[in-house]
Protein backbone atom coordinates (compact mmCIF):
# COMPACT_ATOMS: atom_id res chain seq x y z
CA MET A 1 13.03 -38.23 52.56
CA LEU A 2 16.54 -39.21 50.92
CA LYS A 3 14.64 -39.52 47.97
CA LYS A 4 12.41 -35.88 48.08
CA ILE A 5 16.21 -34.75 48.75
CA LEU A 6 17.70 -35.96 45.71
CA ILE A 7 14.43 -34.55 43.61
CA PHE A 8 14.49 -31.12 45.04
CA LEU A 9 18.53 -31.37 44.04
CA PHE A 10 18.12 -32.41 40.62
CA LEU A 11 15.32 -29.55 40.07
CA VAL A 12 17.54 -26.93 41.12
CA LEU A 13 20.49 -28.50 38.94
CA ILE A 14 17.94 -28.17 35.94
CA ALA A 15 17.05 -24.59 36.88
CA VAL A 16 20.69 -23.44 37.04
CA TYR A 17 21.64 -25.40 33.94
CA LEU A 18 18.34 -23.53 32.25
CA GLY A 19 19.69 -20.46 33.23
CA ILE A 20 23.00 -20.39 32.02
CA ALA A 21 21.94 -21.96 28.62
CA VAL A 22 19.41 -19.06 28.41
CA THR A 23 22.04 -16.30 29.26
CA ALA A 24 24.29 -17.95 27.05
CA LEU A 25 21.72 -17.96 24.45
CA ASN A 26 20.71 -14.28 24.76
CA GLY A 27 24.44 -13.06 24.88
CA LYS A 28 26.04 -14.79 22.06
CA PRO A 29 24.31 -12.79 19.19
CA VAL A 30 25.18 -9.30 21.14
CA GLU A 31 28.75 -10.11 20.82
CA GLN A 32 28.49 -11.26 17.23
CA THR A 33 29.63 -9.46 14.26
CA CYS A 34 26.59 -8.80 11.90
CA ALA A 35 27.53 -10.54 8.67
CA ASN A 36 24.29 -9.98 6.70
CA MET A 37 21.17 -8.57 6.49
CA GLU A 38 17.91 -10.64 5.65
CA LEU A 39 15.49 -8.24 3.93
CA VAL A 40 12.01 -8.87 3.54
CA ILE A 41 9.73 -6.51 1.21
CA ASN A 42 6.22 -7.06 1.31
CA ASP A 43 4.09 -6.82 -1.95
CA SER A 44 7.62 -6.84 -4.35
CA ILE A 45 5.36 -9.11 -6.61
CA ASP A 46 2.80 -6.53 -7.12
CA HIS A 47 4.89 -3.28 -6.49
CA GLY A 48 8.72 -2.95 -7.38
CA PHE A 49 9.21 0.24 -5.68
CA ILE A 50 11.74 -0.64 -3.09
CA THR A 51 14.83 -2.65 -3.72
CA LYS A 52 17.35 -4.28 -1.57
CA ARG A 53 19.73 -2.18 -3.09
CA GLU A 54 17.93 1.10 -2.27
CA VAL A 55 17.47 0.02 1.14
CA LEU A 56 21.36 -0.31 1.21
CA ARG A 57 21.58 3.04 -0.32
CA VAL A 58 19.68 5.04 2.37
CA LEU A 59 21.40 2.82 5.29
CA ASN A 60 24.76 3.70 3.66
CA SER A 61 24.23 7.16 2.92
CA LYS A 62 23.24 7.70 6.92
CA LYS A 63 26.48 5.27 7.80
CA LEU A 64 23.54 2.92 9.06
CA SER A 65 24.77 -0.36 7.38
CA PRO A 66 24.67 -2.83 10.21
CA ILE A 67 27.45 -5.01 8.22
CA GLY A 68 30.24 -5.56 9.95
CA LYS A 69 28.97 -4.16 13.17
CA LYS A 70 28.95 -5.47 16.59
CA MET A 71 25.38 -6.54 17.39
CA LYS A 72 25.22 -4.90 20.66
CA ASP A 73 26.01 -1.73 18.60
CA ILE A 74 23.56 -1.72 16.40
CA ASN A 75 20.35 0.55 17.26
CA THR A 76 17.72 -1.45 15.45
CA ARG A 77 15.16 1.78 16.43
CA GLN A 78 17.35 4.18 14.80
CA LEU A 79 17.64 1.71 11.41
CA GLU A 80 13.50 1.73 11.48
CA ASP A 81 13.23 5.44 12.01
CA GLU A 82 15.67 6.32 8.96
CA LEU A 83 13.93 3.97 6.20
CA LYS A 84 10.46 5.10 7.58
CA GLN A 85 11.20 8.40 6.23
CA HIS A 86 11.78 7.25 2.79
CA PRO A 87 8.86 8.62 0.43
CA LEU A 88 8.15 5.07 -0.75
CA VAL A 89 8.17 3.09 2.63
CA GLY A 90 4.74 2.91 4.39
CA ASN A 91 6.92 0.79 7.46
CA ALA A 92 9.79 -0.93 8.62
CA GLU A 93 10.82 -3.28 11.15
CA CYS A 94 14.23 -4.19 11.86
CA TYR A 95 15.60 -6.95 14.72
CA ARG A 96 18.24 -9.12 15.70
CA THR A 97 18.42 -12.66 14.49
CA SER A 98 19.86 -15.67 16.37
CA SER A 99 22.16 -16.33 13.27
CA GLY A 100 24.24 -13.42 13.80
CA ALA A 101 22.05 -10.99 11.21
CA ILE A 102 19.90 -8.49 11.16
CA GLY A 103 16.50 -8.94 9.91
CA ILE A 104 14.71 -6.01 8.07
CA GLU A 105 10.92 -6.16 6.76
CA ILE A 106 9.83 -3.77 4.52
CA THR A 107 6.07 -2.52 3.86
CA GLN A 108 5.71 -0.49 0.89
CA ARG A 109 3.04 2.15 0.53
CA LEU A 110 0.25 1.21 -1.48
CA PRO A 111 -1.34 3.79 -4.25
CA ILE A 112 -4.63 3.50 -5.08
CA LEU A 113 -4.65 6.43 -7.56
CA ARG A 114 -2.53 8.33 -9.91
CA VAL A 115 -3.12 12.23 -9.97
CA MET A 116 -2.32 13.98 -13.55
CA ALA A 117 -3.67 17.11 -12.66
CA ALA A 118 -4.26 20.06 -15.31
CA ASN A 119 -1.95 22.35 -13.06
CA GLY A 120 1.19 19.96 -13.50
CA GLU A 121 1.01 17.98 -10.51
CA ASN A 122 2.02 14.41 -10.85
CA TYR A 123 1.47 11.88 -7.89
CA TYR A 124 -0.01 8.96 -6.41
CA ILE A 125 -2.47 8.74 -3.18
CA ASP A 126 -2.00 6.10 -1.10
CA ASP A 127 -4.23 3.98 0.84
CA MET A 128 -3.30 6.32 3.86
CA ALA A 129 -5.11 9.43 1.97
CA HIS A 130 -1.50 10.88 1.53
CA THR A 131 -0.02 11.99 -1.35
CA MET A 132 3.49 9.84 -2.42
CA PRO A 133 5.73 10.51 -5.15
CA ILE A 134 5.81 8.47 -8.91
CA PRO A 135 8.60 5.73 -8.46
CA ASN A 136 10.56 4.13 -11.06
CA SER A 137 7.99 1.53 -11.57
CA ALA A 138 4.28 2.56 -12.28
CA ALA A 139 1.14 1.15 -10.64
CA ASN A 140 -2.01 -0.48 -12.19
CA VAL A 141 -4.58 2.40 -10.74
CA ALA A 142 -6.62 4.95 -12.56
CA ILE A 143 -5.75 8.03 -13.43
CA VAL A 144 -7.11 11.32 -12.25
CA THR A 145 -7.00 13.91 -14.81
CA GLY A 146 -8.89 17.53 -14.56
CA HIS A 147 -9.08 20.09 -12.19
CA VAL A 148 -8.02 18.62 -8.83
CA ASP A 149 -5.81 20.13 -5.96
CA LYS A 150 -4.05 18.00 -3.24
CA ALA A 151 -6.88 18.85 -0.83
CA PHE A 152 -9.46 17.50 -3.11
CA ALA A 153 -7.57 14.28 -3.91
CA THR A 154 -6.94 13.18 -0.64
CA LYS A 155 -10.33 13.48 0.87
CA GLU A 156 -13.10 13.29 -1.95
CA LEU A 157 -10.62 11.13 -4.63
CA TYR A 158 -9.59 9.13 -1.90
CA GLU A 159 -13.02 7.94 -0.82
CA LEU A 160 -13.51 6.82 -4.85
CA GLY A 161 -10.22 5.28 -4.69
CA MET A 162 -10.90 3.20 -1.88
CA PHE A 163 -13.97 2.06 -2.99
CA LEU A 164 -12.83 0.80 -6.41
CA GLN A 165 -10.17 -0.94 -4.21
CA LYS A 166 -12.65 -2.85 -2.23
CA ASN A 167 -14.67 -3.90 -5.59
CA PRO A 168 -12.59 -5.61 -7.84
CA LEU A 169 -15.08 -5.17 -10.96
CA TRP A 170 -14.93 -1.55 -11.00
CA LEU A 171 -11.33 -1.29 -10.33
CA ALA A 172 -10.75 -3.26 -13.33
CA GLN A 173 -13.28 -1.45 -15.54
CA ILE A 174 -12.53 2.57 -14.44
CA GLN A 175 -9.60 3.85 -16.37
CA GLN A 176 -9.27 7.35 -15.56
CA ILE A 177 -11.34 10.05 -13.29
CA ASN A 178 -11.76 13.19 -14.70
CA VAL A 179 -12.49 16.14 -12.32
CA THR A 180 -14.55 18.96 -13.86
CA PRO A 181 -14.25 22.75 -12.96
CA THR A 182 -17.04 22.47 -10.60
CA LYS A 183 -15.79 19.37 -9.01
CA GLU A 184 -17.74 16.95 -11.07
CA LEU A 185 -16.36 13.74 -11.51
CA GLU A 186 -16.64 11.58 -15.19
CA LEU A 187 -15.24 8.20 -15.12
CA ILE A 188 -13.72 6.74 -18.40
CA PRO A 189 -14.21 2.76 -18.58
CA HIS A 190 -11.88 0.03 -20.29
CA VAL A 191 -15.02 -1.58 -21.93
CA GLY A 192 -17.64 0.46 -23.58
CA ASN A 193 -17.19 3.73 -25.25
CA HIS A 194 -18.91 5.99 -23.03
CA VAL A 195 -18.39 8.58 -20.20
CA ILE A 196 -20.26 7.97 -16.72
CA PHE A 197 -20.98 10.79 -15.13
CA LEU A 198 -21.24 10.50 -11.36
CA GLY A 199 -21.86 14.20 -10.46
CA LYS A 200 -20.87 15.29 -7.14
CA PRO A 201 -18.42 12.89 -4.88
CA GLY A 202 -20.06 10.31 -2.73
CA ASP A 203 -22.97 8.24 -2.56
CA TYR A 204 -20.55 5.31 -4.15
CA GLU A 205 -22.44 2.12 -3.29
CA ASP A 206 -25.84 3.79 -4.86
CA LYS A 207 -24.23 5.06 -7.84
CA PHE A 208 -22.10 2.23 -8.86
CA ASP A 209 -25.03 -0.67 -7.59
CA ARG A 210 -27.19 1.35 -10.49
CA LEU A 211 -24.38 1.17 -13.01
CA LYS A 212 -23.87 -2.63 -12.64
CA THR A 213 -27.38 -3.35 -13.05
CA PHE A 214 -27.86 -1.18 -15.69
CA TYR A 215 -24.40 -3.09 -17.42
CA LYS A 216 -26.96 -5.93 -17.14
CA LYS A 217 -29.81 -5.22 -18.04
CA GLY A 218 -29.34 -2.47 -20.67
CA LEU A 219 -26.28 -2.42 -22.37
CA ASN A 220 -26.22 -6.43 -22.66
CA GLU A 221 -28.77 -5.89 -24.87
CA VAL A 222 -28.96 -2.78 -26.70
CA GLY A 223 -24.79 -2.76 -26.80
CA TRP A 224 -22.29 -1.48 -25.00
CA ASN A 225 -21.51 1.54 -27.97
CA LYS A 226 -25.14 2.89 -27.59
CA TYR A 227 -24.79 5.75 -25.58
CA SER A 228 -21.80 8.35 -25.43
CA ARG A 229 -23.12 9.57 -21.61
CA ILE A 230 -24.51 7.30 -18.52
CA SER A 231 -25.47 9.90 -15.88
CA LEU A 232 -25.90 8.42 -12.22
CA GLU A 233 -25.75 12.22 -10.80
CA PHE A 234 -29.30 11.53 -9.25
CA SER A 235 -30.86 9.28 -7.32
CA ASN A 236 -32.93 6.09 -8.33
CA GLN A 237 -32.86 7.13 -11.98
CA ILE A 238 -30.02 6.53 -14.87
CA ILE A 239 -29.98 9.34 -18.02
CA CYS A 240 -28.22 7.95 -21.12
CA THR A 241 -27.62 10.26 -23.89
CA LYS A 242 -27.39 8.19 -27.47
CA LYS A 243 -24.72 8.67 -30.02
CA GLU A 244 -24.94 10.82 -32.65
CA LYS A 245 -25.23 9.12 -35.96
């Protein structure tokens, strides 16, 4: 009986100790002063759109910098909301760390196409089908030219841009997309001195599959500079125009 009582008291003491320890651990950071920001910017190797200096500028401009403030006075949700309003930020997560710092994780917006339209507009289309401004550093994506408006760019061209993103071969091969006055698509490749005519937007899987087959079985044999135009407009056929001598 005595043994059971001792075991019970021991378990009670352990529970009390753990309760006090957890309370102290959770309460300590709140009373601390924030001395640092631990900033992580995702995709910074591929895209240098957002820098730590820019994050600090945004927070300082709104008097939201957490450095020097008590942890209990820092509103991490407010920090997130402010950073998300930046035109080059896709997402922001802010949190307190056990070391007395504020952690900030930034996800940059991912451009998939750059539009340089005939009407003078100049912007990127991102992977969420939204327009985004041109940052200081350029992204290595295909350039869209010609008769394109934002509605066409964020729908039909967005679908083509996402297709290219998912297919490394075509992402590397296509350098320019030109939109004709009738909203048909012409592609300028990196390799080969020819124009690839897609016709109306859509059916990209079928059109590019035919083009891939033609590249392998046709151009590899006759030469990459034999034709000036390769049309994939109509199903089940490829129409080529020879260069004039």
